[in-house]
């Protein structure tokens, strides 16, 4: 991973602990793995935990078959505890984005964040974070290309 990818962006992340993985299936070890990956990508100084978290977390409000626009009012109400926790870390710590490893959580938050006055783009998949941070052998960065153009001029 590229440890400097977030250096100039000043993005602060929190995570959504997915119900099915953390509370129902595998427990806190998955929550710790999730945090390890996110911190490795964004930097420990750019990670803030929401509370409650891990196996005591709040559901996103979209699981259990609720992820349909027909039930949007219920989904928005179901997301309220998590939205309150997110608002707290935004106000207290300047969090700018929430990472989710669960596709249901990501879909849910994309739809309900605007109902709470938040930008739908603040939800990011963990897969996308990791992908953005990886530099492949032989890959050039925008900075490398600018340096090449300066050398040619």
N, C-alpha and C. Protein backbone atom coordinates (compact mmCIF):
# COMPACT_ATOMS: atom_id res chain seq x y z
N UNK A 1 0.82 -1.20 0.00
CA UNK A 1 0.00 0.00 0.00
C UNK A 1 0.86 1.26 0.00
N UNK A 2 0.30 2.30 -0.47
CA UNK A 2 0.95 3.60 -0.49
C UNK A 2 0.59 4.34 0.80
N UNK A 3 1.51 4.43 1.77
CA UNK A 3 1.16 5.05 3.05
C UNK A 3 0.93 6.55 2.95
N UNK A 4 1.34 7.17 1.85
CA UNK A 4 1.20 8.62 1.73
C UNK A 4 -0.01 9.06 0.93
N UNK A 5 -0.84 8.13 0.46
CA UNK A 5 -1.94 8.51 -0.44
C UNK A 5 -2.91 9.50 0.21
N UNK A 6 -3.05 9.44 1.53
CA UNK A 6 -4.01 10.31 2.22
C UNK A 6 -3.33 11.52 2.86
N UNK A 7 -2.02 11.66 2.68
CA UNK A 7 -1.26 12.72 3.35
C UNK A 7 -1.82 14.11 3.06
N UNK A 8 -2.08 14.39 1.81
CA UNK A 8 -2.56 15.72 1.43
C UNK A 8 -4.08 15.84 1.45
N UNK A 9 -4.77 14.71 1.48
CA UNK A 9 -6.23 14.75 1.42
C UNK A 9 -6.86 15.10 2.76
N UNK A 10 -6.20 14.74 3.85
CA UNK A 10 -6.71 15.02 5.20
C UNK A 10 -8.09 14.41 5.43
N UNK A 11 -8.25 13.20 4.96
CA UNK A 11 -9.51 12.50 5.14
C UNK A 11 -9.43 11.68 6.42
N UNK A 12 -10.45 11.77 7.24
CA UNK A 12 -10.52 10.97 8.47
C UNK A 12 -11.65 9.97 8.33
N UNK A 13 -11.36 8.74 8.69
CA UNK A 13 -12.30 7.64 8.51
C UNK A 13 -12.77 7.06 9.82
N UNK A 14 -13.98 6.55 9.77
CA UNK A 14 -14.51 5.66 10.79
C UNK A 14 -15.00 4.44 10.05
N UNK A 15 -15.45 3.42 10.76
CA UNK A 15 -15.95 2.22 10.10
C UNK A 15 -17.33 1.84 10.62
N UNK A 16 -18.07 1.17 9.77
CA UNK A 16 -19.33 0.56 10.16
C UNK A 16 -19.07 -0.92 10.36
N UNK A 17 -19.32 -1.40 11.58
CA UNK A 17 -19.20 -2.83 11.86
C UNK A 17 -20.46 -3.53 11.36
N UNK A 18 -20.34 -4.39 10.35
CA UNK A 18 -21.54 -5.03 9.79
C UNK A 18 -22.12 -6.09 10.72
N UNK A 19 -23.43 -6.01 10.92
CA UNK A 19 -24.13 -6.90 11.85
C UNK A 19 -23.83 -8.38 11.60
N UNK A 20 -24.01 -8.80 10.37
CA UNK A 20 -23.90 -10.24 10.08
C UNK A 20 -22.49 -10.76 10.34
N UNK A 21 -21.48 -9.99 10.07
CA UNK A 21 -20.11 -10.46 10.29
C UNK A 21 -19.67 -10.30 11.73
N UNK A 22 -19.98 -9.18 12.33
CA UNK A 22 -19.44 -8.89 13.65
C UNK A 22 -20.31 -9.43 14.77
N UNK A 23 -21.62 -9.22 14.69
CA UNK A 23 -22.48 -9.67 15.79
C UNK A 23 -22.92 -11.11 15.64
N UNK A 24 -23.17 -11.55 14.42
CA UNK A 24 -23.80 -12.85 14.23
C UNK A 24 -22.82 -13.98 13.92
N UNK A 25 -21.79 -13.71 13.13
CA UNK A 25 -20.99 -14.80 12.60
C UNK A 25 -19.64 -14.99 13.29
N UNK A 26 -18.80 -13.98 13.21
CA UNK A 26 -17.41 -14.17 13.60
C UNK A 26 -16.98 -13.39 14.83
N UNK A 27 -17.74 -12.40 15.23
CA UNK A 27 -17.43 -11.65 16.43
C UNK A 27 -16.35 -10.59 16.27
N UNK A 28 -15.82 -10.16 17.39
CA UNK A 28 -14.88 -9.05 17.43
C UNK A 28 -13.58 -9.28 16.64
N UNK A 29 -13.09 -10.51 16.47
CA UNK A 29 -11.88 -10.66 15.65
C UNK A 29 -12.04 -10.07 14.24
N UNK A 30 -13.22 -10.19 13.65
CA UNK A 30 -13.45 -9.58 12.33
C UNK A 30 -13.43 -8.07 12.44
N UNK A 31 -13.98 -7.54 13.52
CA UNK A 31 -13.96 -6.09 13.73
C UNK A 31 -12.53 -5.59 13.87
N UNK A 32 -11.69 -6.35 14.54
CA UNK A 32 -10.29 -5.95 14.69
C UNK A 32 -9.56 -6.03 13.35
N UNK A 33 -9.85 -7.05 12.56
CA UNK A 33 -9.25 -7.16 11.23
C UNK A 33 -9.67 -5.99 10.35
N UNK A 34 -10.94 -5.61 10.43
CA UNK A 34 -11.44 -4.47 9.67
C UNK A 34 -10.67 -3.20 10.04
N UNK A 35 -10.49 -2.96 11.31
CA UNK A 35 -9.76 -1.78 11.76
C UNK A 35 -8.29 -1.83 11.34
N UNK A 36 -7.69 -3.01 11.40
CA UNK A 36 -6.30 -3.16 10.99
C UNK A 36 -6.13 -2.75 9.53
N UNK A 37 -7.02 -3.23 8.67
CA UNK A 37 -6.93 -2.91 7.25
C UNK A 37 -7.14 -1.42 7.01
N UNK A 38 -8.18 -0.85 7.59
CA UNK A 38 -8.47 0.57 7.36
C UNK A 38 -7.33 1.44 7.89
N UNK A 39 -6.83 1.15 9.08
CA UNK A 39 -5.71 1.93 9.63
C UNK A 39 -4.45 1.79 8.77
N UNK A 40 -4.22 0.60 8.24
CA UNK A 40 -3.04 0.39 7.39
C UNK A 40 -3.13 1.23 6.12
N UNK A 41 -4.34 1.44 5.64
CA UNK A 41 -4.53 2.19 4.40
C UNK A 41 -4.56 3.70 4.65
N UNK A 42 -5.31 4.14 5.65
CA UNK A 42 -5.50 5.59 5.83
C UNK A 42 -4.56 6.20 6.87
N UNK A 43 -3.88 5.38 7.62
CA UNK A 43 -3.02 5.85 8.70
C UNK A 43 -3.77 5.88 10.01
N UNK A 44 -3.13 5.41 11.05
CA UNK A 44 -3.79 5.33 12.36
C UNK A 44 -4.28 6.70 12.84
N UNK A 45 -3.54 7.75 12.50
CA UNK A 45 -3.92 9.10 12.92
C UNK A 45 -5.17 9.60 12.21
N UNK A 46 -5.56 8.94 11.14
CA UNK A 46 -6.75 9.33 10.37
C UNK A 46 -7.93 8.40 10.61
N UNK A 47 -7.87 7.62 11.68
CA UNK A 47 -8.95 6.69 12.00
C UNK A 47 -9.55 7.05 13.36
N UNK A 48 -10.87 7.15 13.40
CA UNK A 48 -11.61 7.42 14.63
C UNK A 48 -12.73 6.39 14.73
N UNK A 49 -12.85 5.74 15.87
CA UNK A 49 -13.91 4.76 16.07
C UNK A 49 -15.21 5.44 16.48
N UNK A 50 -16.32 4.96 15.92
CA UNK A 50 -17.64 5.39 16.40
C UNK A 50 -17.99 4.54 17.61
N UNK A 51 -18.87 5.06 18.44
CA UNK A 51 -19.32 4.29 19.60
C UNK A 51 -20.84 4.25 19.61
N UNK A 52 -21.45 3.15 19.94
CA UNK A 52 -20.85 1.86 20.23
C UNK A 52 -20.29 1.23 18.95
N UNK A 53 -19.42 0.24 19.16
CA UNK A 53 -18.80 -0.40 18.02
C UNK A 53 -18.57 -1.89 18.29
N UNK A 54 -17.92 -2.51 17.34
CA UNK A 54 -17.62 -3.95 17.36
C UNK A 54 -18.93 -4.73 17.57
N UNK A 55 -18.95 -5.70 18.45
CA UNK A 55 -20.16 -6.52 18.58
C UNK A 55 -21.29 -5.80 19.31
N UNK A 56 -21.05 -4.60 19.81
CA UNK A 56 -22.10 -3.80 20.45
C UNK A 56 -22.61 -2.70 19.52
N UNK A 57 -22.28 -2.79 18.25
CA UNK A 57 -22.59 -1.72 17.29
C UNK A 57 -24.08 -1.60 17.01
N UNK A 58 -24.42 -0.49 16.34
CA UNK A 58 -25.77 -0.30 15.83
C UNK A 58 -25.84 -0.81 14.41
N UNK A 59 -26.96 -1.37 14.06
CA UNK A 59 -27.22 -1.82 12.69
C UNK A 59 -27.33 -0.62 11.77
N UNK A 60 -27.04 -0.83 10.50
CA UNK A 60 -27.18 0.25 9.51
C UNK A 60 -28.65 0.56 9.23
N UNK A 61 -29.53 -0.37 9.52
CA UNK A 61 -30.96 -0.16 9.29
C UNK A 61 -31.46 -0.69 7.96
N UNK A 62 -30.57 -1.31 7.18
CA UNK A 62 -30.97 -1.79 5.86
C UNK A 62 -30.96 -3.30 5.71
N UNK A 63 -30.55 -4.01 6.73
CA UNK A 63 -30.48 -5.47 6.64
C UNK A 63 -31.84 -6.11 6.85
N UNK A 64 -31.84 -7.41 6.90
CA UNK A 64 -33.07 -8.15 7.17
C UNK A 64 -34.14 -7.99 6.11
N UNK A 65 -33.75 -7.74 4.88
CA UNK A 65 -34.71 -7.62 3.79
C UNK A 65 -35.31 -6.24 3.64
N UNK A 66 -34.79 -5.25 4.35
CA UNK A 66 -35.35 -3.90 4.29
C UNK A 66 -34.77 -3.05 3.16
N UNK A 67 -33.78 -3.54 2.47
CA UNK A 67 -33.06 -2.73 1.49
C UNK A 67 -33.86 -2.59 0.19
N UNK A 68 -34.97 -1.86 0.30
CA UNK A 68 -35.79 -1.56 -0.86
C UNK A 68 -36.32 -0.14 -0.70
N UNK A 69 -36.44 0.57 -1.80
CA UNK A 69 -36.90 1.96 -1.73
C UNK A 69 -38.33 2.07 -1.20
N UNK A 70 -39.10 1.00 -1.35
CA UNK A 70 -40.48 0.97 -0.87
C UNK A 70 -40.53 1.18 0.65
N UNK A 71 -39.47 0.76 1.34
CA UNK A 71 -39.42 0.85 2.80
C UNK A 71 -38.49 1.98 3.28
N UNK A 72 -38.31 2.99 2.47
CA UNK A 72 -37.33 4.04 2.78
C UNK A 72 -37.60 4.72 4.11
N UNK A 73 -38.84 5.00 4.43
CA UNK A 73 -39.14 5.65 5.71
C UNK A 73 -38.65 4.80 6.89
N UNK A 74 -38.88 3.51 6.81
CA UNK A 74 -38.43 2.59 7.86
C UNK A 74 -36.91 2.51 7.90
N UNK A 75 -36.28 2.49 6.72
CA UNK A 75 -34.82 2.44 6.64
C UNK A 75 -34.19 3.69 7.27
N UNK A 76 -34.77 4.84 7.01
CA UNK A 76 -34.24 6.09 7.56
C UNK A 76 -34.35 6.07 9.08
N UNK A 77 -35.47 5.60 9.60
CA UNK A 77 -35.64 5.49 11.06
C UNK A 77 -34.69 4.46 11.65
N UNK A 78 -34.50 3.35 10.95
CA UNK A 78 -33.59 2.30 11.43
C UNK A 78 -32.14 2.75 11.46
N UNK A 79 -31.79 3.69 10.61
CA UNK A 79 -30.41 4.18 10.55
C UNK A 79 -30.11 5.24 11.60
N UNK A 80 -31.14 5.77 12.26
CA UNK A 80 -30.95 6.91 13.16
C UNK A 80 -29.90 6.68 14.25
N UNK A 81 -29.88 5.54 14.95
CA UNK A 81 -28.82 5.39 15.97
C UNK A 81 -27.42 5.47 15.37
N UNK A 82 -27.24 4.90 14.19
CA UNK A 82 -25.92 4.93 13.56
C UNK A 82 -25.61 6.33 13.04
N UNK A 83 -26.62 7.02 12.54
CA UNK A 83 -26.41 8.38 12.05
C UNK A 83 -26.05 9.32 13.20
N UNK A 84 -26.66 9.11 14.38
CA UNK A 84 -26.30 9.91 15.55
C UNK A 84 -24.85 9.66 15.96
N UNK A 85 -24.43 8.39 15.94
CA UNK A 85 -23.04 8.05 16.27
C UNK A 85 -22.07 8.66 15.25
N UNK A 86 -22.45 8.63 13.97
CA UNK A 86 -21.63 9.22 12.93
C UNK A 86 -21.53 10.74 13.11
N UNK A 87 -22.65 11.38 13.39
CA UNK A 87 -22.64 12.83 13.63
C UNK A 87 -21.71 13.19 14.79
N UNK A 88 -21.70 12.35 15.83
CA UNK A 88 -20.82 12.61 16.97
C UNK A 88 -19.35 12.62 16.57
N UNK A 89 -18.90 11.62 15.79
CA UNK A 89 -17.48 11.60 15.41
C UNK A 89 -17.16 12.67 14.37
N UNK A 90 -18.15 13.09 13.59
CA UNK A 90 -17.94 14.19 12.66
C UNK A 90 -17.70 15.48 13.45
N UNK A 91 -18.58 15.75 14.41
CA UNK A 91 -18.50 16.98 15.19
C UNK A 91 -17.30 17.00 16.14
N UNK A 92 -17.02 15.87 16.79
CA UNK A 92 -15.96 15.84 17.80
C UNK A 92 -14.57 15.62 17.22
N UNK A 93 -14.46 14.92 16.08
CA UNK A 93 -13.15 14.53 15.56
C UNK A 93 -12.90 14.89 14.11
N UNK A 94 -13.87 15.50 13.45
CA UNK A 94 -13.68 15.88 12.05
C UNK A 94 -13.68 14.74 11.07
N UNK A 95 -14.36 13.64 11.42
CA UNK A 95 -14.45 12.50 10.49
C UNK A 95 -15.12 12.96 9.20
N UNK A 96 -14.56 12.54 8.07
CA UNK A 96 -15.08 12.93 6.76
C UNK A 96 -15.70 11.78 5.99
N UNK A 97 -15.33 10.54 6.35
CA UNK A 97 -15.81 9.37 5.61
C UNK A 97 -16.01 8.18 6.52
N UNK A 98 -16.92 7.31 6.09
CA UNK A 98 -17.15 6.05 6.78
C UNK A 98 -16.87 4.91 5.82
N UNK A 99 -16.08 3.95 6.28
CA UNK A 99 -15.76 2.79 5.46
C UNK A 99 -16.67 1.63 5.87
N UNK A 100 -17.14 0.91 4.87
CA UNK A 100 -18.00 -0.25 5.12
C UNK A 100 -17.50 -1.43 4.30
N UNK A 101 -17.47 -2.59 4.94
CA UNK A 101 -17.06 -3.79 4.22
C UNK A 101 -18.28 -4.54 3.69
N UNK A 102 -19.45 -4.20 4.18
CA UNK A 102 -20.69 -4.87 3.81
C UNK A 102 -21.41 -4.09 2.70
N UNK A 103 -21.78 -4.78 1.65
CA UNK A 103 -22.47 -4.14 0.52
C UNK A 103 -23.84 -3.60 0.93
N UNK A 104 -24.52 -4.27 1.86
CA UNK A 104 -25.82 -3.79 2.33
C UNK A 104 -25.63 -2.48 3.09
N UNK A 105 -24.64 -2.42 3.97
CA UNK A 105 -24.38 -1.17 4.70
C UNK A 105 -24.05 -0.04 3.73
N UNK A 106 -23.21 -0.31 2.75
CA UNK A 106 -22.83 0.73 1.79
C UNK A 106 -24.05 1.22 1.02
N UNK A 107 -24.88 0.30 0.55
CA UNK A 107 -26.10 0.69 -0.18
C UNK A 107 -27.05 1.46 0.72
N UNK A 108 -27.21 1.00 1.94
CA UNK A 108 -28.10 1.66 2.89
C UNK A 108 -27.64 3.09 3.15
N UNK A 109 -26.37 3.26 3.48
CA UNK A 109 -25.89 4.60 3.82
C UNK A 109 -25.88 5.53 2.61
N UNK A 110 -25.62 5.00 1.43
CA UNK A 110 -25.67 5.84 0.23
C UNK A 110 -27.04 6.49 0.10
N UNK A 111 -28.08 5.74 0.44
CA UNK A 111 -29.45 6.26 0.33
C UNK A 111 -29.88 7.13 1.51
N UNK A 112 -29.47 6.76 2.76
CA UNK A 112 -30.00 7.47 3.92
C UNK A 112 -29.16 8.65 4.39
N UNK A 113 -27.88 8.70 4.05
CA UNK A 113 -27.06 9.83 4.48
C UNK A 113 -27.67 11.18 4.11
N UNK A 114 -28.19 11.35 2.88
CA UNK A 114 -28.79 12.65 2.54
C UNK A 114 -29.99 13.02 3.41
N UNK A 115 -30.72 12.03 3.93
CA UNK A 115 -31.85 12.32 4.82
C UNK A 115 -31.37 12.95 6.13
N UNK A 116 -30.11 12.73 6.46
CA UNK A 116 -29.54 13.28 7.68
C UNK A 116 -28.60 14.46 7.39
N UNK A 117 -28.71 15.01 6.18
CA UNK A 117 -27.92 16.18 5.82
C UNK A 117 -26.47 15.89 5.51
N UNK A 118 -26.16 14.64 5.21
CA UNK A 118 -24.78 14.24 4.91
C UNK A 118 -24.66 13.83 3.45
N UNK A 119 -23.47 13.97 2.91
CA UNK A 119 -23.20 13.64 1.52
C UNK A 119 -23.15 12.13 1.32
N UNK A 120 -23.87 11.63 0.34
CA UNK A 120 -23.89 10.18 0.09
C UNK A 120 -22.51 9.64 -0.27
N UNK A 121 -21.63 10.50 -0.75
CA UNK A 121 -20.29 10.05 -1.14
C UNK A 121 -19.36 9.83 0.05
N UNK A 122 -19.81 10.14 1.25
CA UNK A 122 -18.92 9.93 2.39
C UNK A 122 -18.80 8.46 2.79
N UNK A 123 -19.67 7.60 2.26
CA UNK A 123 -19.56 6.17 2.51
C UNK A 123 -18.67 5.56 1.43
N UNK A 124 -17.67 4.80 1.86
CA UNK A 124 -16.68 4.22 0.95
C UNK A 124 -16.52 2.75 1.31
N UNK A 125 -16.40 1.90 0.31
CA UNK A 125 -16.17 0.50 0.62
C UNK A 125 -14.71 0.29 1.00
N UNK A 126 -14.47 -0.63 1.89
CA UNK A 126 -13.10 -0.96 2.30
C UNK A 126 -12.31 -1.43 1.09
N UNK A 127 -12.98 -2.16 0.20
CA UNK A 127 -12.32 -2.64 -1.01
C UNK A 127 -11.79 -1.47 -1.85
N UNK A 128 -12.59 -0.41 -1.94
CA UNK A 128 -12.19 0.77 -2.70
C UNK A 128 -11.01 1.46 -2.02
N UNK A 129 -11.01 1.55 -0.70
CA UNK A 129 -9.89 2.15 0.02
C UNK A 129 -8.60 1.42 -0.28
N UNK A 130 -8.65 0.10 -0.17
CA UNK A 130 -7.46 -0.70 -0.42
C UNK A 130 -7.00 -0.53 -1.85
N UNK A 131 -7.93 -0.57 -2.78
CA UNK A 131 -7.60 -0.41 -4.20
C UNK A 131 -6.94 0.93 -4.47
N UNK A 132 -7.45 2.00 -3.86
CA UNK A 132 -6.88 3.33 -4.06
C UNK A 132 -5.47 3.45 -3.51
N UNK A 133 -5.15 2.67 -2.48
CA UNK A 133 -3.87 2.80 -1.82
C UNK A 133 -2.77 1.93 -2.44
N UNK A 134 -3.13 0.98 -3.26
CA UNK A 134 -2.13 0.06 -3.82
C UNK A 134 -1.42 0.71 -5.01
N UNK A 135 -0.11 0.61 -5.00
CA UNK A 135 0.69 1.01 -6.16
C UNK A 135 1.33 -0.26 -6.71
N UNK A 136 1.02 -0.56 -7.94
CA UNK A 136 1.55 -1.76 -8.57
C UNK A 136 2.95 -1.50 -9.11
N UNK A 137 3.77 -2.55 -9.17
CA UNK A 137 5.11 -2.43 -9.72
C UNK A 137 5.02 -1.89 -11.14
N UNK A 138 5.80 -0.84 -11.42
CA UNK A 138 5.80 -0.24 -12.75
C UNK A 138 4.75 0.83 -12.94
N UNK A 139 3.85 0.97 -11.98
CA UNK A 139 2.80 1.98 -12.08
C UNK A 139 3.40 3.34 -11.76
N UNK A 140 3.00 4.35 -12.52
CA UNK A 140 3.45 5.70 -12.23
C UNK A 140 2.33 6.46 -11.54
N UNK A 141 2.73 7.40 -10.75
CA UNK A 141 1.74 8.25 -10.09
C UNK A 141 1.62 9.54 -10.87
N UNK A 142 0.64 10.36 -10.56
CA UNK A 142 0.49 11.66 -11.19
C UNK A 142 1.74 12.51 -10.98
N UNK A 143 2.35 12.38 -9.77
CA UNK A 143 3.57 13.12 -9.46
C UNK A 143 4.71 12.72 -10.38
N UNK A 144 4.85 11.39 -10.65
CA UNK A 144 5.90 10.90 -11.54
C UNK A 144 5.73 11.48 -12.93
N UNK A 145 4.47 11.52 -13.40
CA UNK A 145 4.19 12.04 -14.74
C UNK A 145 4.50 13.53 -14.83
N UNK A 146 4.21 14.28 -13.76
CA UNK A 146 4.52 15.71 -13.74
C UNK A 146 6.02 15.94 -13.77
N UNK A 147 6.76 15.11 -13.00
CA UNK A 147 8.22 15.23 -12.99
C UNK A 147 8.80 14.95 -14.38
N UNK A 148 8.26 13.95 -15.09
CA UNK A 148 8.71 13.62 -16.43
C UNK A 148 8.46 14.77 -17.38
N UNK A 149 7.30 15.42 -17.26
CA UNK A 149 6.97 16.56 -18.13
C UNK A 149 7.90 17.73 -17.84
N UNK A 150 8.24 17.96 -16.55
CA UNK A 150 9.14 19.04 -16.19
C UNK A 150 10.54 18.79 -16.73
N UNK A 151 10.98 17.52 -16.68
CA UNK A 151 12.30 17.16 -17.18
C UNK A 151 12.38 17.35 -18.70
N UNK A 152 11.28 17.07 -19.39
CA UNK A 152 11.25 17.19 -20.86
C UNK A 152 11.25 18.64 -21.31
N UNK A 153 10.74 19.52 -20.45
CA UNK A 153 10.62 20.95 -20.84
C UNK A 153 11.89 21.67 -20.70
